[in-house]
Each structure stands twice: as C-alpha cells, then as structure tokens.
Amino acid sequence: MDFLAAGDWQQAHEIVQEHESTLAAWLHGIVHTLEGDLDNAQYWYRRAQRPFGGAGVVQTEITEARAAVARHEG
C-alpha cells in the first residue's frame, strides 16, 4: 500500500502479481492505472469485480484499498 500511495507502481506490481485474490486483483488494477495502462487496469478491475473509475479517481481507490487491506489483515 505504501508503494501505491507513493506512486511507485513498479515496486507495487512486483508484490501484487504474486497473489490471486480479488483484493490482489483490485490492487493490480490500481497499479496499472498508475502506470497509465488503462486497458490492463480495466481487465484487473473486472477480475476484482469492481467498477473501473479511471485515472481521475486513483487516489480515492488507493485510500479505499488501504482500508480494505487493513480489514483483511485485522
């Protein structure tokens, strides 16, 4: 989550691609949104069963994802 928040999509991508959950798919979609690869981001959002809001809402997505990860870990 810290890599995503910092915009370090390359480092975040290395971590998230090792996981297959819907949460990981969502994070993977965020990674590709940050990268600017919106077609690939949309694919991962579909896998995560989440609506794709585009690059304009990526910071909101990161905030929501951080909360989801915290719930998942708690």
Protein backbone atom coordinates (compact mmCIF):
# COMPACT_ATOMS: atom_id res chain seq x y z
CA MET A 1 0.00 0.00 0.00
CA ASP A 2 2.85 2.39 0.73
CA PHE A 3 4.28 1.84 -2.75
CA LEU A 4 0.89 2.57 -4.32
CA ALA A 5 0.41 5.70 -2.25
CA ALA A 6 3.89 6.89 -3.27
CA GLY A 7 3.10 6.22 -6.94
CA ASP A 8 5.81 3.54 -7.13
CA TRP A 9 3.78 1.25 -9.36
CA GLN A 10 6.77 -0.84 -10.42
CA GLN A 11 7.57 -1.95 -6.87
CA ALA A 12 3.88 -2.47 -6.08
CA HIS A 13 3.45 -4.53 -9.25
CA GLU A 14 6.22 -6.94 -8.24
CA ILE A 15 4.41 -7.62 -4.98
CA VAL A 16 0.80 -7.79 -6.14
CA GLN A 17 1.36 -10.06 -9.15
CA GLU A 18 2.28 -12.89 -6.77
CA HIS A 19 -1.28 -13.05 -5.36
CA GLU A 20 -4.58 -14.20 -6.86
CA SER A 21 -7.35 -12.94 -4.55
CA THR A 22 -9.97 -10.42 -5.63
CA LEU A 23 -8.27 -7.91 -3.33
CA ALA A 24 -4.98 -8.52 -5.15
CA ALA A 25 -6.76 -8.12 -8.49
CA TRP A 26 -8.08 -4.74 -7.34
CA LEU A 27 -4.61 -3.67 -6.25
CA HIS A 28 -3.25 -4.92 -9.57
CA GLY A 29 -5.82 -2.75 -11.33
CA ILE A 30 -4.70 0.25 -9.31
CA VAL A 31 -1.09 -0.47 -10.26
CA HIS A 32 -1.93 -0.44 -13.96
CA THR A 33 -3.98 2.73 -13.53
CA LEU A 34 -0.97 4.45 -12.00
CA GLU A 35 1.16 3.12 -14.83
CA GLY A 36 -1.24 4.59 -17.36
CA ASP A 37 -2.12 1.19 -18.84
CA LEU A 38 -5.88 1.68 -18.56
CA ASP A 39 -6.88 -1.28 -20.76
CA ASN A 40 -4.97 -3.63 -18.49
CA ALA A 41 -6.31 -1.83 -15.42
CA GLN A 42 -9.87 -2.44 -16.62
CA TYR A 43 -9.11 -6.16 -17.00
CA TRP A 44 -7.93 -6.36 -13.38
CA TYR A 45 -10.92 -4.38 -12.12
CA ARG A 46 -13.20 -6.88 -13.86
CA ARG A 47 -11.30 -9.71 -12.15
CA ALA A 48 -11.78 -7.87 -8.85
CA GLN A 49 -15.50 -7.43 -9.63
CA ARG A 50 -15.21 -3.68 -9.09
CA PRO A 51 -16.26 -0.77 -11.29
CA PHE A 52 -13.39 0.99 -13.02
CA GLY A 53 -13.47 4.72 -12.35
CA GLY A 54 -10.41 5.67 -14.38
CA ALA A 55 -7.26 7.58 -13.60
CA GLY A 56 -9.15 10.51 -12.08
CA VAL A 57 -10.16 8.53 -9.00
CA VAL A 58 -6.99 6.54 -8.40
CA GLN A 59 -6.11 8.34 -5.15
CA THR A 60 -9.58 7.57 -3.79
CA GLU A 61 -9.13 3.96 -4.85
CA ILE A 62 -5.81 3.80 -3.00
CA THR A 63 -7.44 5.17 0.15
CA GLU A 64 -10.30 2.65 -0.09
CA ALA A 65 -7.87 -0.18 -0.85
CA ARG A 66 -5.77 0.73 2.19
CA ALA A 67 -8.87 0.40 4.38
CA ALA A 68 -9.76 -2.94 2.74
CA VAL A 69 -6.26 -4.28 3.32
CA ALA A 70 -6.41 -3.19 6.96
CA ARG A 71 -9.75 -5.00 7.39
CA HIS A 72 -8.31 -8.07 5.67
CA GLU A 73 -5.30 -8.12 7.96
CA GLY A 74 -7.32 -7.35 11.12
